C-alpha atoms as a PDB file:
ATOM      1  CA  MET A   1      83.518 141.217  -8.703  1.00  0.00           C
ATOM      2  CA  PRO A   2      81.305 141.437 -11.804  1.00  0.00           C
ATOM      3  CA  PHE A   3      83.004 142.097 -15.105  1.00  0.00           C
ATOM      4  CA  GLU A   4      81.296 142.767 -18.393  1.00  0.00           C
ATOM      5  CA  PRO A   5      82.909 143.793 -21.679  1.00  0.00           C
ATOM      6  CA  GLU A   6      82.162 147.344 -22.736  1.00  0.00           C
ATOM      7  CA  GLU A   7      82.613 149.229 -25.952  1.00  0.00           C
ATOM      8  CA  SER A   8      84.503 152.280 -24.717  1.00  0.00           C
ATOM      9  CA  SER A   9      86.615 152.474 -21.610  1.00  0.00           C
ATOM     10  CA  ASP A  10      89.541 154.279 -20.038  1.00  0.00           C
ATOM     11  CA  LEU A  11      89.659 151.831 -17.158  1.00  0.00           C
ATOM     12  CA  ASN A  12      92.806 150.092 -16.039  1.00  0.00           C
ATOM     13  CA  PRO A  13      93.967 147.880 -18.928  1.00  0.00           C
ATOM     14  CA  VAL A  14      94.231 144.932 -16.546  1.00  0.00           C
ATOM     15  CA  ILE A  15      91.583 143.411 -14.283  1.00  0.00           C
ATOM     16  CA  VAL A  16      92.878 141.298 -11.399  1.00  0.00           C
ATOM     17  CA  VAL A  17      90.450 139.287  -9.296  1.00  0.00           C
ATOM     18  CA  GLY A  18      91.367 137.260  -6.223  1.00  0.00           C
ATOM     19  CA  GLU A  19      95.075 138.050  -6.224  1.00  0.00           C
ATOM     20  CA  SER A  20      95.497 136.609  -2.712  1.00  0.00           C
ATOM     21  CA  ARG A  21      93.705 133.341  -3.446  1.00  0.00           C
ATOM     22  CA  PRO A  22      95.908 130.372  -2.542  1.00  0.00           C
ATOM     23  CA  SER A  23      95.557 128.025  -5.533  1.00  0.00           C
ATOM     24  CA  ARG A  24      98.659 127.244  -7.568  1.00  0.00           C
ATOM     25  CA  CYS A  25      96.521 127.859 -10.662  1.00  0.00           C
ATOM     26  CA  LEU A  26      96.497 131.247 -12.378  1.00  0.00           C
ATOM     27  CA  VAL A  27      93.531 131.815 -14.711  1.00  0.00           C
ATOM     28  CA  LEU A  28      94.064 134.178 -17.639  1.00  0.00           C
ATOM     29  CA  CYS A  29      91.710 135.702 -20.183  1.00  0.00           C
ATOM     30  CA  ASP A  30      93.520 137.486 -23.014  1.00  0.00           C
ATOM     31  CA  HIS A  31      90.418 138.471 -24.957  1.00  0.00           C
ATOM     32  CA  ALA A  32      88.054 139.299 -22.109  1.00  0.00           C
ATOM     33  CA  SER A  33      86.835 142.685 -23.319  1.00  0.00           C
ATOM     34  CA  ASN A  34      85.781 144.651 -26.393  1.00  0.00           C
ATOM     35  CA  ALA A  35      86.720 147.971 -24.746  1.00  0.00           C
ATOM     36  CA  VAL A  36      88.316 150.710 -26.872  1.00  0.00           C
ATOM     37  CA  PRO A  37      90.020 153.469 -24.845  1.00  0.00           C
ATOM     38  CA  SER A  38      89.017 156.999 -25.839  1.00  0.00           C
ATOM     39  CA  TRP A  39      92.598 157.873 -26.779  1.00  0.00           C
ATOM     40  CA  VAL A  40      92.548 155.206 -29.515  1.00  0.00           C
ATOM     41  CA  ALA A  41      90.776 156.726 -32.549  1.00  0.00           C
ATOM     42  CA  ASN A  42      88.467 158.637 -30.170  1.00  0.00           C
ATOM     43  CA  GLY A  43      87.159 155.347 -28.830  1.00  0.00           C
ATOM     44  CA  ASP A  44      85.828 154.188 -32.204  1.00  0.00           C
ATOM     45  CA  LEU A  45      87.686 151.725 -34.436  1.00  0.00           C
ATOM     46  CA  GLY A  46      85.346 152.544 -37.308  1.00  0.00           C
ATOM     47  CA  ILE A  47      83.459 149.262 -37.407  1.00  0.00           C
ATOM     48  CA  SER A  48      79.839 148.532 -36.607  1.00  0.00           C
ATOM     49  CA  ARG A  49      78.349 147.807 -33.197  1.00  0.00           C
ATOM     50  CA  GLU A  50      77.526 144.346 -34.532  1.00  0.00           C
ATOM     51  CA  ASP A  51      81.175 143.675 -35.347  1.00  0.00           C
ATOM     52  CA  MET A  52      82.270 144.988 -31.947  1.00  0.00           C
ATOM     53  CA  SER A  53      79.900 142.468 -30.373  1.00  0.00           C
ATOM     54  CA  ARG A  54      81.274 139.416 -32.134  1.00  0.00           C
ATOM     55  CA  HIS A  55      84.367 137.268 -31.886  1.00  0.00           C
ATOM     56  CA  ILE A  56      86.651 139.566 -33.856  1.00  0.00           C
ATOM     57  CA  ALA A  57      86.601 142.130 -31.010  1.00  0.00           C
ATOM     58  CA  TYR A  58      86.773 139.763 -28.011  1.00  0.00           C
ATOM     59  CA  ASP A  59      86.163 136.172 -26.955  1.00  0.00           C
ATOM     60  CA  VAL A  60      82.446 136.005 -26.286  1.00  0.00           C
ATOM     61  CA  GLY A  61      81.698 134.425 -22.897  1.00  0.00           C
ATOM     62  CA  ALA A  62      85.341 133.881 -22.007  1.00  0.00           C
ATOM     63  CA  SER A  63      85.553 136.483 -19.238  1.00  0.00           C
ATOM     64  CA  GLY A  64      82.569 135.036 -17.411  1.00  0.00           C
ATOM     65  CA  LEU A  65      83.915 131.512 -17.706  1.00  0.00           C
ATOM     66  CA  ALA A  66      87.393 132.590 -16.571  1.00  0.00           C
ATOM     67  CA  LEU A  67      86.070 134.371 -13.491  1.00  0.00           C
ATOM     68  CA  LYS A  68      83.777 131.505 -12.519  1.00  0.00           C
ATOM     69  CA  LEU A  69      86.521 128.934 -13.021  1.00  0.00           C
ATOM     70  CA  ALA A  70      88.952 130.990 -10.938  1.00  0.00           C
ATOM     71  CA  GLU A  71      86.365 131.279  -8.174  1.00  0.00           C
ATOM     72  CA  ARG A  72      85.768 127.531  -8.109  1.00  0.00           C
ATOM     73  CA  LEU A  73      89.515 126.832  -8.038  1.00  0.00           C
ATOM     74  CA  ASP A  74      90.102 129.563  -5.413  1.00  0.00           C
ATOM     75  CA  ALA A  75      92.642 130.953  -7.868  1.00  0.00           C
ATOM     76  CA  PRO A  76      93.587 134.452  -9.009  1.00  0.00           C
ATOM     77  CA  ALA A  77      92.445 135.658 -12.408  1.00  0.00           C
ATOM     78  CA  VAL A  78      94.023 138.226 -14.731  1.00  0.00           C
ATOM     79  CA  LEU A  79      91.979 139.662 -17.604  1.00  0.00           C
ATOM     80  CA  ALA A  80      92.969 142.076 -20.361  1.00  0.00           C
ATOM     81  CA  ASN A  81      90.501 144.976 -20.326  1.00  0.00           C
ATOM     82  CA  TYR A  82      90.722 146.076 -23.968  1.00  0.00           C
ATOM     83  CA  SER A  83      89.711 144.755 -27.357  1.00  0.00           C
ATOM     84  CA  ARG A  84      91.996 142.463 -29.290  1.00  0.00           C
ATOM     85  CA  LEU A  85      91.388 144.809 -32.227  1.00  0.00           C
ATOM     86  CA  VAL A  86      93.168 147.633 -30.390  1.00  0.00           C
ATOM     87  CA  ILE A  87      96.162 145.387 -29.753  1.00  0.00           C
ATOM     88  CA  ASP A  88      96.178 141.623 -29.277  1.00  0.00           C
ATOM     89  CA  PRO A  89      97.718 140.589 -25.947  1.00  0.00           C
ATOM     90  CA  ASN A  90      97.949 137.001 -27.180  1.00  0.00           C
ATOM     91  CA  ARG A  91     100.610 137.836 -29.764  1.00  0.00           C
ATOM     92  CA  GLY A  92     104.311 138.514 -29.546  1.00  0.00           C
ATOM     93  CA  GLU A  93     105.404 142.137 -29.747  1.00  0.00           C
ATOM     94  CA  GLN A  94     106.774 141.649 -33.259  1.00  0.00           C
ATOM     95  CA  ASP A  95     103.928 139.490 -34.564  1.00  0.00           C
ATOM     96  CA  PRO A  96     102.427 140.975 -37.765  1.00  0.00           C
ATOM     97  CA  THR A  97      98.916 140.251 -36.436  1.00  0.00           C
ATOM     98  CA  LEU A  98      99.494 142.216 -33.220  1.00  0.00           C
ATOM     99  CA  VAL A  99      97.324 145.031 -34.628  1.00  0.00           C
ATOM    100  CA  MET A 100      94.879 143.609 -37.137  1.00  0.00           C
ATOM    101  CA  ARG A 101      93.937 145.537 -40.269  1.00  0.00           C
ATOM    102  CA  ILE A 102      91.301 143.016 -41.363  1.00  0.00           C
ATOM    103  CA  TYR A 103      89.728 140.148 -39.467  1.00  0.00           C
ATOM    104  CA  ASP A 104      87.128 137.620 -40.626  1.00  0.00           C
ATOM    105  CA  GLY A 105      86.111 139.832 -43.538  1.00  0.00           C
ATOM    106  CA  THR A 106      85.902 143.096 -41.578  1.00  0.00           C
ATOM    107  CA  ILE A 107      88.333 145.924 -42.314  1.00  0.00           C
ATOM    108  CA  ILE A 108      89.424 147.836 -39.192  1.00  0.00           C
ATOM    109  CA  PRO A 109      89.668 151.489 -40.384  1.00  0.00           C
ATOM    110  CA  ALA A 110      91.360 152.799 -37.226  1.00  0.00           C
ATOM    111  CA  ASN A 111      94.181 150.295 -37.687  1.00  0.00           C
ATOM    112  CA  ARG A 112      94.696 150.741 -41.414  1.00  0.00           C
ATOM    113  CA  ASN A 113      97.255 153.526 -41.048  1.00  0.00           C
ATOM    114  CA  ALA A 114      98.470 152.838 -37.513  1.00  0.00           C
ATOM    115  CA  GLY A 115     102.192 153.557 -37.564  1.00  0.00           C
ATOM    116  CA  LYS A 116     105.067 152.514 -35.328  1.00  0.00           C
ATOM    117  CA  ALA A 117     104.551 155.362 -32.851  1.00  0.00           C
ATOM    118  CA  GLU A 118     100.852 154.617 -32.376  1.00  0.00           C
ATOM    119  CA  ILE A 119     101.434 150.890 -32.003  1.00  0.00           C
ATOM    120  CA  GLU A 120     104.218 151.577 -29.510  1.00  0.00           C
ATOM    121  CA  GLN A 121     101.794 153.689 -27.467  1.00  0.00           C
ATOM    122  CA  ARG A 122      99.274 150.856 -27.406  1.00  0.00           C
ATOM    123  CA  LYS A 123     102.004 148.456 -26.311  1.00  0.00           C
ATOM    124  CA  GLN A 124     103.161 150.768 -23.549  1.00  0.00           C
ATOM    125  CA  ILE A 125      99.737 151.619 -22.107  1.00  0.00           C
ATOM    126  CA  LEU A 126      97.807 148.390 -22.687  1.00  0.00           C
ATOM    127  CA  TYR A 127      99.850 145.389 -23.776  1.00  0.00           C
ATOM    128  CA  ARG A 128     102.886 145.549 -21.490  1.00  0.00           C
ATOM    129  CA  PRO A 129     100.989 146.222 -18.232  1.00  0.00           C
ATOM    130  CA  TYR A 130      98.917 143.092 -18.858  1.00  0.00           C
ATOM    131  CA  HIS A 131     101.988 140.931 -19.306  1.00  0.00           C
ATOM    132  CA  ARG A 132     103.818 142.520 -16.382  1.00  0.00           C
ATOM    133  CA  THR A 133     100.839 141.729 -14.162  1.00  0.00           C
ATOM    134  CA  ILE A 134     100.763 138.101 -15.282  1.00  0.00           C
ATOM    135  CA  ALA A 135     104.498 137.742 -14.687  1.00  0.00           C
ATOM    136  CA  GLU A 136     104.265 139.241 -11.188  1.00  0.00           C
ATOM    137  CA  ILE A 137     101.351 137.080 -10.058  1.00  0.00           C
ATOM    138  CA  ALA A 138     102.717 133.924 -11.686  1.00  0.00           C
ATOM    139  CA  ALA A 139     105.973 134.412  -9.761  1.00  0.00           C
ATOM    140  CA  ARG A 140     104.196 134.324  -6.392  1.00  0.00           C
ATOM    141  CA  ARG A 141     104.941 130.598  -6.062  1.00  0.00           C
ATOM    142  CA  PRO A 142     107.283 128.158  -7.864  1.00  0.00           C
ATOM    143  CA  ASP A 143     104.614 125.673  -8.934  1.00  0.00           C
ATOM    144  CA  THR A 144     102.204 128.058 -10.702  1.00  0.00           C
ATOM    145  CA  VAL A 145     100.008 126.458 -13.365  1.00  0.00           C
ATOM    146  CA  ILE A 146      98.762 128.689 -16.183  1.00  0.00           C
ATOM    147  CA  LEU A 147      95.173 128.172 -17.370  1.00  0.00           C
ATOM    148  CA  SER A 148      94.267 130.446 -20.281  1.00  0.00           C
ATOM    149  CA  VAL A 149      90.569 130.703 -21.140  1.00  0.00           C
ATOM    150  CA  HIS A 150      89.402 131.535 -24.673  1.00  0.00           C
ATOM    151  CA  SER A 151      86.365 130.994 -26.865  1.00  0.00           C
ATOM    152  CA  PHE A 152      86.100 130.406 -30.589  1.00  0.00           C
ATOM    153  CA  THR A 153      83.410 131.207 -33.122  1.00  0.00           C
ATOM    154  CA  PRO A 154      81.390 128.278 -34.502  1.00  0.00           C
ATOM    155  CA  GLN A 155      82.153 129.415 -38.055  1.00  0.00           C
ATOM    156  CA  PHE A 156      84.255 131.967 -39.877  1.00  0.00           C
ATOM    157  CA  ARG A 157      82.567 133.702 -42.771  1.00  0.00           C
ATOM    158  CA  GLY A 158      82.671 131.568 -45.906  1.00  0.00           C
ATOM    159  CA  ARG A 159      84.249 128.611 -44.128  1.00  0.00           C
ATOM    160  CA  LYS A 160      83.059 125.252 -42.839  1.00  0.00           C
ATOM    161  CA  PRO A 161      81.408 125.007 -39.406  1.00  0.00           C
ATOM    162  CA  ARG A 162      83.683 123.948 -36.581  1.00  0.00           C
ATOM    163  CA  PRO A 163      82.436 120.739 -34.960  1.00  0.00           C
ATOM    164  CA  TRP A 164      84.177 120.897 -31.584  1.00  0.00           C
ATOM    165  CA  HIS A 165      82.536 121.885 -28.337  1.00  0.00           C
ATOM    166  CA  VAL A 166      85.832 122.357 -26.523  1.00  0.00           C
ATOM    167  CA  THR A 167      89.487 122.057 -27.438  1.00  0.00           C
ATOM    168  CA  LEU A 168      92.794 122.375 -25.628  1.00  0.00           C
ATOM    169  CA  LEU A 169      95.823 124.071 -27.131  1.00  0.00           C
ATOM    170  CA  PHE A 170      99.345 123.182 -26.065  1.00  0.00           C
ATOM    171  CA  ALA A 171     102.895 123.026 -27.374  1.00  0.00           C
ATOM    172  CA  ASP A 172     105.456 120.409 -26.360  1.00  0.00           C
ATOM    173  CA  ASP A 173     104.523 120.423 -22.667  1.00  0.00           C
ATOM    174  CA  ASP A 174     101.374 118.301 -22.625  1.00  0.00           C
ATOM    175  CA  ARG A 175     101.612 117.167 -18.997  1.00  0.00           C
ATOM    176  CA  LEU A 176      98.360 118.865 -18.029  1.00  0.00           C
ATOM    177  CA  SER A 177      96.587 118.995 -21.375  1.00  0.00           C
ATOM    178  CA  LEU A 178      96.553 115.260 -22.077  1.00  0.00           C
ATOM    179  CA  PRO A 179      94.898 114.160 -18.815  1.00  0.00           C
ATOM    180  CA  LEU A 180      92.445 117.053 -19.042  1.00  0.00           C
ATOM    181  CA  LEU A 181      91.615 116.005 -22.604  1.00  0.00           C
ATOM    182  CA  ALA A 182      91.052 112.460 -21.372  1.00  0.00           C
ATOM    183  CA  GLY A 183      88.656 113.722 -18.720  1.00  0.00           C
ATOM    184  CA  LEU A 184      86.689 115.842 -21.176  1.00  0.00           C
ATOM    185  CA  SER A 185      86.538 112.975 -23.664  1.00  0.00           C
ATOM    186  CA  ARG A 186      84.790 110.777 -21.110  1.00  0.00           C
ATOM    187  CA  GLU A 187      81.711 112.945 -21.609  1.00  0.00           C
ATOM    188  CA  ARG A 188      80.266 111.281 -24.683  1.00  0.00           C
ATOM    189  CA  GLN A 189      78.140 114.269 -25.670  1.00  0.00           C
ATOM    190  CA  LEU A 190      81.205 116.446 -26.132  1.00  0.00           C
ATOM    191  CA  ILE A 191      83.256 116.733 -29.302  1.00  0.00           C
ATOM    192  CA  VAL A 192      86.734 117.401 -27.974  1.00  0.00           C
ATOM    193  CA  GLY A 193      89.705 118.627 -29.990  1.00  0.00           C
ATOM    194  CA  ALA A 194      93.433 118.970 -29.446  1.00  0.00           C
ATOM    195  CA  ASN A 195      95.214 121.954 -31.018  1.00  0.00           C
ATOM    196  CA  GLU A 196      92.045 122.812 -32.914  1.00  0.00           C
ATOM    197  CA  PRO A 197      90.999 125.115 -34.499  1.00  0.00           C
ATOM    198  CA  TYR A 198      94.427 126.669 -33.912  1.00  0.00           C
ATOM    199  CA  SER A 199      97.922 125.431 -33.207  1.00  0.00           C
ATOM    200  CA  GLY A 200      99.172 125.578 -29.654  1.00  0.00           C
ATOM    201  CA  ARG A 201     102.569 126.706 -30.900  1.00  0.00           C
ATOM    202  CA  LEU A 202     102.726 130.462 -31.391  1.00  0.00           C
ATOM    203  CA  GLU A 203     105.987 132.156 -30.568  1.00  0.00           C
ATOM    204  CA  GLY A 204     105.551 135.069 -28.198  1.00  0.00           C
ATOM    205  CA  ASP A 205     101.911 134.412 -27.303  1.00  0.00           C
ATOM    206  CA  THR A 206     100.753 134.449 -23.687  1.00  0.00           C
ATOM    207  CA  ILE A 207     101.283 130.750 -23.023  1.00  0.00           C
ATOM    208  CA  ASP A 208     104.677 130.769 -24.724  1.00  0.00           C
ATOM    209  CA  ARG A 209     105.779 133.808 -22.770  1.00  0.00           C
ATOM    210  CA  HIS A 210     104.501 132.910 -19.295  1.00  0.00           C
ATOM    211  CA  ALA A 211     104.441 129.107 -19.342  1.00  0.00           C
ATOM    212  CA  VAL A 212     106.535 127.525 -22.093  1.00  0.00           C
ATOM    213  CA  GLN A 213     109.564 129.771 -21.611  1.00  0.00           C
ATOM    214  CA  THR A 214     109.304 129.493 -17.814  1.00  0.00           C
ATOM    215  CA  ARG A 215     108.555 125.733 -17.868  1.00  0.00           C
ATOM    216  CA  ARG A 216     105.265 126.079 -16.028  1.00  0.00           C
ATOM    217  CA  GLN A 217     102.523 123.526 -16.517  1.00  0.00           C
ATOM    218  CA  ASN A 218      99.806 124.994 -18.670  1.00  0.00           C
ATOM    219  CA  THR A 219      96.894 124.565 -21.003  1.00  0.00           C
ATOM    220  CA  LEU A 220      94.823 126.873 -23.165  1.00  0.00           C
ATOM    221  CA  ILE A 221      91.108 126.102 -22.988  1.00  0.00           C
ATOM    222  CA  GLU A 222      88.969 126.989 -26.014  1.00  0.00           C
ATOM    223  CA  VAL A 223      85.177 126.649 -25.654  1.00  0.00           C
ATOM    224  CA  ARG A 224      82.866 127.309 -28.600  1.00  0.00           C
ATOM    225  CA  ASN A 225      81.372 130.697 -27.884  1.00  0.00           C
ATOM    226  CA  ASP A 226      77.719 129.821 -28.465  1.00  0.00           C
ATOM    227  CA  LEU A 227      78.064 127.337 -25.591  1.00  0.00           C
ATOM    228  CA  ILE A 228      79.140 129.992 -23.060  1.00  0.00           C
ATOM    229  CA  ALA A 229      77.297 133.115 -24.212  1.00  0.00           C
ATOM    230  CA  LYS A 230      74.932 132.929 -21.225  1.00  0.00           C
ATOM    231  CA  GLU A 231      75.923 133.107 -17.583  1.00  0.00           C
ATOM    232  CA  ARG A 232      74.272 129.805 -16.672  1.00  0.00           C
ATOM    233  CA  ASP A 233      76.270 128.059 -19.405  1.00  0.00           C
ATOM    234  CA  GLN A 234      79.478 129.677 -18.189  1.00  0.00           C
ATOM    235  CA  ALA A 235      78.706 128.321 -14.732  1.00  0.00           C
ATOM    236  CA  GLU A 236      78.102 124.837 -16.132  1.00  0.00           C
ATOM    237  CA  TRP A 237      81.428 124.843 -17.983  1.00  0.00           C
ATOM    238  CA  ALA A 238      83.241 126.239 -14.957  1.00  0.00           C
ATOM    239  CA  ASP A 239      81.838 123.401 -12.853  1.00  0.00           C
ATOM    240  CA  ARG A 240      82.870 120.853 -15.486  1.00  0.00           C
ATOM    241  CA  LEU A 241      86.435 122.127 -15.792  1.00  0.00           C
ATOM    242  CA  ALA A 242      86.898 122.676 -12.061  1.00  0.00           C
ATOM    243  CA  GLY A 243      85.721 119.119 -11.459  1.00  0.00           C
ATOM    244  CA  LEU A 244      88.250 117.656 -13.903  1.00  0.00           C
ATOM    245  CA  LEU A 245      91.295 119.776 -13.126  1.00  0.00           C
ATOM    246  CA  PRO A 246      92.308 118.235  -9.752  1.00  0.00           C
ATOM    247  CA  GLU A 247      92.576 114.782 -11.339  1.00  0.00           C
ATOM    248  CA  ALA A 248      94.398 116.201 -14.348  1.00  0.00           C
ATOM    249  CA  LEU A 249      96.836 118.125 -12.153  1.00  0.00           C
ATOM    250  CA  ALA A 250      97.525 115.025 -10.094  1.00  0.00           C
ATOM    251  CA  ALA A 251      98.167 113.007 -13.270  1.00  0.00           C
ATOM    252  CA  ALA A 252     100.498 115.733 -14.552  1.00  0.00           C
ATOM    253  CA  GLU A 253     102.719 115.254 -11.508  1.00  0.00           C
ATOM    254  CA  THR A 254     103.216 111.513 -12.039  1.00  0.00           C
END
């Protein structure tokens, strides 16, 4: 099932692909889309098309990588079908960055005066259905492993370039992340990071909610977005990760 981010959409806020696939893995993509529903500020957040096409609106390349990885693992995938600038599904409900007013130097006019009632509407229609769907599919078997796919920008405005090609984010449960890191690090051409450029500990985020609190094995995979902007590169990374995950999963059980 092809899936491409779009700039205005009233589609279902959640995309589920391969729900009946048998793998214990569940692939997630929190920031899959830059879609803005028409009922949110008439479908226009008030920022430029250029800004809506960059990392502040969604994780460039992440949806393609997530879908290809899920296919290779014969695993279900759940993707959020709305922009992180409308409401960020990878934040807790009370997180002050749930609805961003400014991000990487860009002011978000449609969010500047968003009050409690408007934010509650976004939670009810977009945010909560995504998390309910994850919870339902994750509960299909007791040994579910959560794999969350993200991408990161090579450089924030006015800041130093980020050197990593790929990083893994994790909190205290590193059973899966450490062997997967070891596998990635064997590829000498890759610069691999752990809990870079962000911490893997964020209360209420998707991993915390669906893996840490439920004691499921998990890892959050961050690939630099210029490395997965094209479909062929997404396929290459999906092959790489799918090739390493069986060994990493086996090591996590020892």
